Amino acid sequence: MTVILDGQKLSKKILTTLTKKIEASNLRLGLAVIAIGKNKVSEVYLKQKRLACQNIGIGFKLYRFPKNISQKKLEEKIKQISKIKGNSGIVIQLPLPFSPLVASRFFNLIPLKKDIDCLGQTNFSRFCRGNKKNMPPVVSAISKFFKKYKIQVKDKNVVVIGAGRLVGLPVSFWLANNGAKITIVDKSTKNIKVPIKKADIIISGTGQANLIKGSMIKRGAVVVDVGTSTDKGRVSGDVEKNSVLKKASFLAPVPGGVGPLTIACLLENLVKSSLYSN
């Protein structure tokens, strides 16, 4: 029987612990989220971030800008938002209507201590070198799942589907630092079924609904779904859940898996950055 990795349950434990830390240290924290335009998937996560902040006593401020905002104007706004003392942590909601190279310039404008998503060059470089103090939230979420359920990555064949800045890239570095044998699959891969069929662990973050089916994985594989897409108001993941459940040993589903746990880990980074200096 497939074990479901319950992100809701684990995230509640983390948020409860954070609430106690905030109250014990009398912290006054605020999360600032910068959103460019509107994206259906992003709107789901914005709502969840706001709710999580409200539940544990963290302020939430959304700065929304039009999709056609100029690069120069956005840079000015990020600098202004970064200077506001009450904005303890700052997140730029992805995806952005800019190239990855341009987007990286925005991330680097966020002060080190406020870069709780670890997207700035300094924090991300520290993470890539093995620093575990502040990890990218999605990596932290997956690592907590694996620790709780005793899932080992060392010497395992792991396929990471998607090489994005938010999921695929940081997850691949984390796996490499922990001794996994990694294959990265992206749009240029001709036949994704071949590496997926050999994988002990599959981690997917493409946002392409039902990309991975039960017939594509080997029996006993660990499947972690980090992709999110929406259709007619319904949230879907990269994994076709019903067929994968018949073969996987563990499944982190969408919704209810990595998503809520990632938000909890983001707020965990916020509290850490306020309690301890970088």
Protein backbone atom coordinates (compact mmCIF):
# COMPACT_ATOMS: atom_id res chain seq x y z
CA MET A 1 0.00 0.00 0.00
CA THR A 2 1.29 3.44 -0.95
CA VAL A 3 2.12 5.76 1.93
CA ILE A 4 0.84 9.29 1.37
CA LEU A 5 3.25 12.03 2.47
CA ASP A 6 0.88 14.32 4.37
CA GLY A 7 2.11 17.88 4.04
CA GLN A 8 -0.87 19.36 5.84
CA LYS A 9 -0.21 17.40 9.01
CA LEU A 10 3.54 18.07 9.07
CA SER A 11 3.11 21.76 8.24
CA LYS A 12 0.72 22.22 11.18
CA LYS A 13 3.37 20.88 13.55
CA ILE A 14 5.95 23.30 12.17
CA LEU A 15 3.56 26.26 12.33
CA THR A 16 2.64 25.40 15.92
CA THR A 17 6.33 25.40 16.86
CA LEU A 18 6.84 28.72 15.06
CA THR A 19 3.91 30.28 16.90
CA LYS A 20 5.51 29.37 20.22
CA LYS A 21 8.87 30.82 19.14
CA ILE A 22 7.24 34.05 17.96
CA GLU A 23 5.35 34.45 21.23
CA ALA A 24 8.30 33.49 23.44
CA SER A 25 10.63 35.95 21.72
CA ASN A 26 7.95 38.63 21.28
CA LEU A 27 8.76 38.88 17.58
CA ARG A 28 6.91 41.28 15.31
CA LEU A 29 7.35 39.90 11.83
CA GLY A 30 6.00 40.76 8.42
CA LEU A 31 6.10 38.88 5.12
CA ALA A 32 6.13 41.03 1.99
CA VAL A 33 5.21 39.33 -1.28
CA ILE A 34 5.85 41.00 -4.62
CA ALA A 35 3.57 39.75 -7.40
CA ILE A 36 3.80 40.77 -11.06
CA GLY A 37 0.53 40.41 -12.93
CA LYS A 38 -1.81 37.52 -12.11
CA ASN A 39 -1.30 33.79 -12.49
CA LYS A 40 -3.92 31.24 -11.44
CA VAL A 41 -1.42 28.95 -9.70
CA SER A 42 0.32 31.89 -8.02
CA GLU A 43 -3.01 33.16 -6.69
CA VAL A 44 -3.56 29.83 -4.94
CA TYR A 45 -0.20 30.07 -3.19
CA LEU A 46 -0.67 33.75 -2.33
CA LYS A 47 -3.88 32.89 -0.55
CA GLN A 48 -2.21 30.04 1.34
CA LYS A 49 0.74 32.22 2.38
CA ARG A 50 -1.57 34.92 3.66
CA LEU A 51 -3.60 32.41 5.67
CA ALA A 52 -0.51 30.73 7.16
CA CYS A 53 0.83 34.12 8.24
CA GLN A 54 -2.46 35.07 9.85
CA ASN A 55 -2.62 31.77 11.74
CA ILE A 56 0.72 32.25 13.46
CA GLY A 57 0.75 36.00 14.00
CA ILE A 58 2.90 37.22 11.11
CA GLY A 59 1.88 40.28 9.14
CA PHE A 60 1.27 39.87 5.42
CA LYS A 61 1.63 42.56 2.78
CA LEU A 62 1.04 41.99 -0.93
CA TYR A 63 2.67 44.37 -3.40
CA ARG A 64 1.06 43.78 -6.78
CA PHE A 65 2.38 45.35 -9.97
CA PRO A 66 1.14 45.16 -13.58
CA LYS A 67 2.60 42.55 -15.90
CA ASN A 68 3.96 45.26 -18.22
CA ILE A 69 5.98 47.01 -15.51
CA SER A 70 9.42 48.02 -16.74
CA GLN A 71 12.55 46.39 -15.37
CA LYS A 72 13.82 49.72 -14.05
CA LYS A 73 10.56 50.53 -12.29
CA LEU A 74 10.37 47.11 -10.68
CA GLU A 75 13.95 47.41 -9.44
CA GLU A 76 13.07 50.74 -7.82
CA LYS A 77 10.00 49.25 -6.15
CA ILE A 78 11.93 46.25 -4.79
CA LYS A 79 14.54 48.57 -3.30
CA GLN A 80 11.80 50.66 -1.65
CA ILE A 81 10.00 47.61 -0.27
CA SER A 82 13.30 46.20 1.04
CA LYS A 83 13.93 49.34 3.10
CA ILE A 84 10.65 49.07 5.01
CA LYS A 85 11.52 47.85 8.49
CA GLY A 86 8.27 45.95 8.97
CA ASN A 87 9.01 43.76 5.94
CA SER A 88 11.06 41.12 7.78
CA GLY A 89 11.07 38.76 4.83
CA ILE A 90 10.55 39.46 1.13
CA VAL A 91 9.41 37.03 -1.54
CA ILE A 92 9.11 37.61 -5.27
CA GLN A 93 6.26 35.40 -6.45
CA LEU A 94 7.14 33.24 -9.44
CA PRO A 95 6.74 32.94 -12.37
CA LEU A 96 7.93 36.33 -13.62
CA PRO A 97 7.37 37.86 -17.10
CA PHE A 98 11.15 38.29 -17.51
CA SER A 99 14.02 36.08 -18.62
CA PRO A 100 15.81 34.05 -15.93
CA LEU A 101 18.86 36.31 -16.24
CA VAL A 102 16.82 39.45 -15.63
CA ALA A 103 14.85 37.78 -12.81
CA SER A 104 18.08 36.95 -10.99
CA ARG A 105 18.84 40.69 -10.79
CA PHE A 106 15.58 41.22 -8.91
CA PHE A 107 16.37 38.45 -6.42
CA ASN A 108 19.77 39.99 -5.71
CA LEU A 109 18.16 43.29 -4.71
CA ILE A 110 16.59 41.67 -1.65
CA PRO A 111 18.77 42.10 1.47
CA LEU A 112 20.49 38.90 2.56
CA LYS A 113 18.60 38.60 5.84
CA LYS A 114 15.24 39.17 4.14
CA ASP A 115 15.87 36.68 1.30
CA ILE A 116 13.92 33.85 2.94
CA ASP A 117 13.26 32.12 -0.40
CA CYS A 118 17.05 31.77 -0.87
CA LEU A 119 16.83 33.00 -4.46
CA GLY A 120 19.52 35.66 -4.15
CA GLN A 121 22.99 34.71 -5.35
CA THR A 122 24.65 34.82 -1.91
CA ASN A 123 22.10 32.66 -0.10
CA PHE A 124 21.74 30.25 -3.01
CA SER A 125 25.53 29.85 -3.31
CA ARG A 126 25.78 29.10 0.39
CA PHE A 127 23.10 26.46 0.00
CA CYS A 128 24.82 24.90 -3.03
CA ARG A 129 28.01 24.58 -0.99
CA GLY A 130 26.11 22.55 1.60
CA ASN A 131 25.07 25.23 4.12
CA LYS A 132 21.91 23.95 5.82
CA LYS A 133 21.13 27.05 7.86
CA ASN A 134 18.59 28.46 5.41
CA MET A 135 17.57 26.13 2.61
CA PRO A 136 15.20 26.94 -0.26
CA PRO A 137 11.73 26.17 1.20
CA VAL A 138 10.86 23.46 -1.33
CA VAL A 139 14.13 21.63 -0.60
CA SER A 140 13.54 21.97 3.12
CA ALA A 141 10.04 20.54 2.68
CA ILE A 142 11.22 17.50 0.72
CA SER A 143 14.08 16.87 3.15
CA LYS A 144 11.67 16.94 6.10
CA PHE A 145 9.43 14.41 4.35
CA PHE A 146 12.37 12.11 3.65
CA LYS A 147 13.64 12.39 7.21
CA LYS A 148 10.24 11.65 8.73
CA TYR A 149 9.52 8.66 6.47
CA LYS A 150 13.14 7.42 6.48
CA ILE A 151 13.54 7.74 2.70
CA GLN A 152 17.23 7.54 1.75
CA VAL A 153 18.65 9.37 -1.29
CA LYS A 154 22.30 8.27 -1.12
CA ASP A 155 23.21 6.03 -4.08
CA LYS A 156 19.59 6.09 -5.30
CA ASN A 157 18.66 6.74 -8.91
CA VAL A 158 16.72 10.00 -8.77
CA VAL A 159 14.99 11.66 -11.70
CA VAL A 160 14.22 15.37 -11.35
CA ILE A 161 11.66 16.52 -13.90
CA GLY A 162 12.04 20.20 -14.68
CA ALA A 163 15.11 22.38 -14.14
CA GLY A 164 13.40 25.51 -12.88
CA ARG A 165 14.91 28.01 -10.45
CA LEU A 166 12.31 27.34 -7.77
CA VAL A 167 12.21 23.51 -7.76
CA GLY A 168 14.39 21.56 -10.18
CA LEU A 169 17.66 23.45 -9.76
CA PRO A 170 17.81 23.66 -5.93
CA VAL A 171 16.47 20.13 -5.50
CA SER A 172 19.18 18.79 -7.83
CA PHE A 173 21.94 20.49 -5.84
CA TRP A 174 20.53 19.11 -2.59
CA LEU A 175 20.37 15.60 -4.01
CA ALA A 176 23.92 15.83 -5.32
CA ASN A 177 25.19 17.03 -1.93
CA ASN A 178 23.54 13.97 -0.37
CA GLY A 179 25.03 11.38 -2.70
CA ALA A 180 22.16 10.68 -5.08
CA LYS A 181 22.62 9.61 -8.69
CA ILE A 182 20.70 12.30 -10.54
CA THR A 183 19.13 12.52 -13.97
CA ILE A 184 17.50 15.82 -14.91
CA VAL A 185 14.66 15.64 -17.40
CA ASP A 186 13.38 18.74 -19.20
CA LYS A 187 11.70 19.81 -22.43
CA SER A 188 14.75 18.79 -24.46
CA THR A 189 14.58 15.16 -23.27
CA LYS A 190 13.32 13.05 -26.16
CA ASN A 191 11.75 10.19 -24.24
CA ILE A 192 11.19 10.90 -20.54
CA LYS A 193 9.76 7.42 -19.99
CA VAL A 194 13.20 5.79 -20.23
CA PRO A 195 14.88 7.50 -17.24
CA ILE A 196 11.64 7.62 -15.23
CA LYS A 197 11.17 3.86 -15.50
CA LYS A 198 14.60 3.29 -13.90
CA ALA A 199 14.15 5.81 -11.09
CA ASP A 200 14.00 4.89 -7.42
CA ILE A 201 12.81 8.42 -6.65
CA ILE A 202 10.95 10.83 -8.95
CA ILE A 203 10.60 14.52 -8.14
CA SER A 204 8.55 16.55 -10.61
CA GLY A 205 7.93 20.29 -10.76
CA THR A 206 6.80 21.10 -14.30
CA GLY A 207 3.23 22.27 -13.78
CA GLN A 208 2.01 19.94 -16.52
CA ALA A 209 -1.09 18.12 -15.33
CA ASN A 210 -0.99 14.29 -15.24
CA LEU A 211 2.41 14.11 -16.93
CA ILE A 212 3.49 11.08 -14.90
CA LYS A 213 1.35 7.97 -15.06
CA GLY A 214 1.55 4.71 -13.16
CA SER A 215 2.66 2.82 -16.29
CA MET A 216 5.79 5.03 -16.44
CA ILE A 217 7.22 4.21 -13.00
CA LYS A 218 8.68 1.05 -11.55
CA ARG A 219 6.98 -0.68 -8.64
CA GLY A 220 8.08 0.70 -5.28
CA ALA A 221 9.27 4.07 -6.59
CA VAL A 222 9.03 7.16 -4.39
CA VAL A 223 7.09 9.90 -6.20
CA VAL A 224 7.17 13.53 -5.10
CA ASP A 225 4.81 15.83 -6.96
CA VAL A 226 5.77 19.51 -6.77
CA GLY A 227 4.03 20.67 -9.95
CA THR A 228 0.83 22.68 -9.80
CA SER A 229 -1.62 23.65 -12.50
CA THR A 230 -5.26 24.72 -12.51
CA ASP A 231 -8.18 23.88 -14.75
CA LYS A 232 -11.66 25.28 -14.14
CA GLY A 233 -10.72 26.14 -10.58
CA ARG A 234 -9.37 22.69 -9.82
CA VAL A 235 -5.76 22.28 -8.71
CA SER A 236 -3.81 19.42 -10.29
CA GLY A 237 -0.27 18.10 -10.01
CA ASP A 238 2.17 16.54 -12.47
CA VAL A 239 1.19 13.06 -11.26
CA GLU A 240 -1.85 11.08 -12.32
CA LYS A 241 -2.64 10.09 -8.75
CA ASN A 242 -4.94 7.08 -9.20
CA SER A 243 -2.60 5.08 -11.45
CA VAL A 244 0.57 6.01 -9.54
CA LEU A 245 -0.98 4.93 -6.23
CA LYS A 246 -1.10 1.37 -7.57
CA LYS A 247 2.70 1.16 -7.88
CA ALA A 248 4.48 3.80 -5.77
CA SER A 249 5.76 3.07 -2.25
CA PHE A 250 5.44 6.74 -1.25
CA LEU A 251 3.57 9.60 -2.88
CA ALA A 252 3.60 13.31 -2.04
CA PRO A 253 0.42 14.41 -3.86
CA VAL A 254 -0.98 17.69 -5.13
CA PRO A 255 -2.77 19.19 -3.35
CA GLY A 256 -1.83 18.48 0.28
CA GLY A 257 1.77 17.34 -0.09
CA VAL A 258 4.83 19.50 -0.68
CA GLY A 259 2.82 22.73 -1.14
CA PRO A 260 1.63 23.44 2.42
CA LEU A 261 4.90 22.15 3.86
CA THR A 262 6.89 24.50 1.60
CA ILE A 263 4.94 27.48 2.94
CA ALA A 264 5.63 26.36 6.51
CA CYS A 265 9.33 26.09 5.67
CA LEU A 266 9.30 29.57 4.14
CA LEU A 267 7.93 30.99 7.40
CA GLU A 268 10.43 28.88 9.32
CA ASN A 269 13.19 30.67 7.37
CA LEU A 270 11.57 34.00 8.25
CA VAL A 271 11.60 33.23 11.97
CA LYS A 272 15.17 31.91 11.81
CA SER A 273 16.42 35.01 10.03
CA SER A 274 14.89 37.18 12.74
CA LEU A 275 16.25 35.15 15.63
CA TYR A 276 19.75 34.56 14.28
CA SER A 277 22.03 36.82 12.29
CA ASN A 278 23.38 35.64 8.93
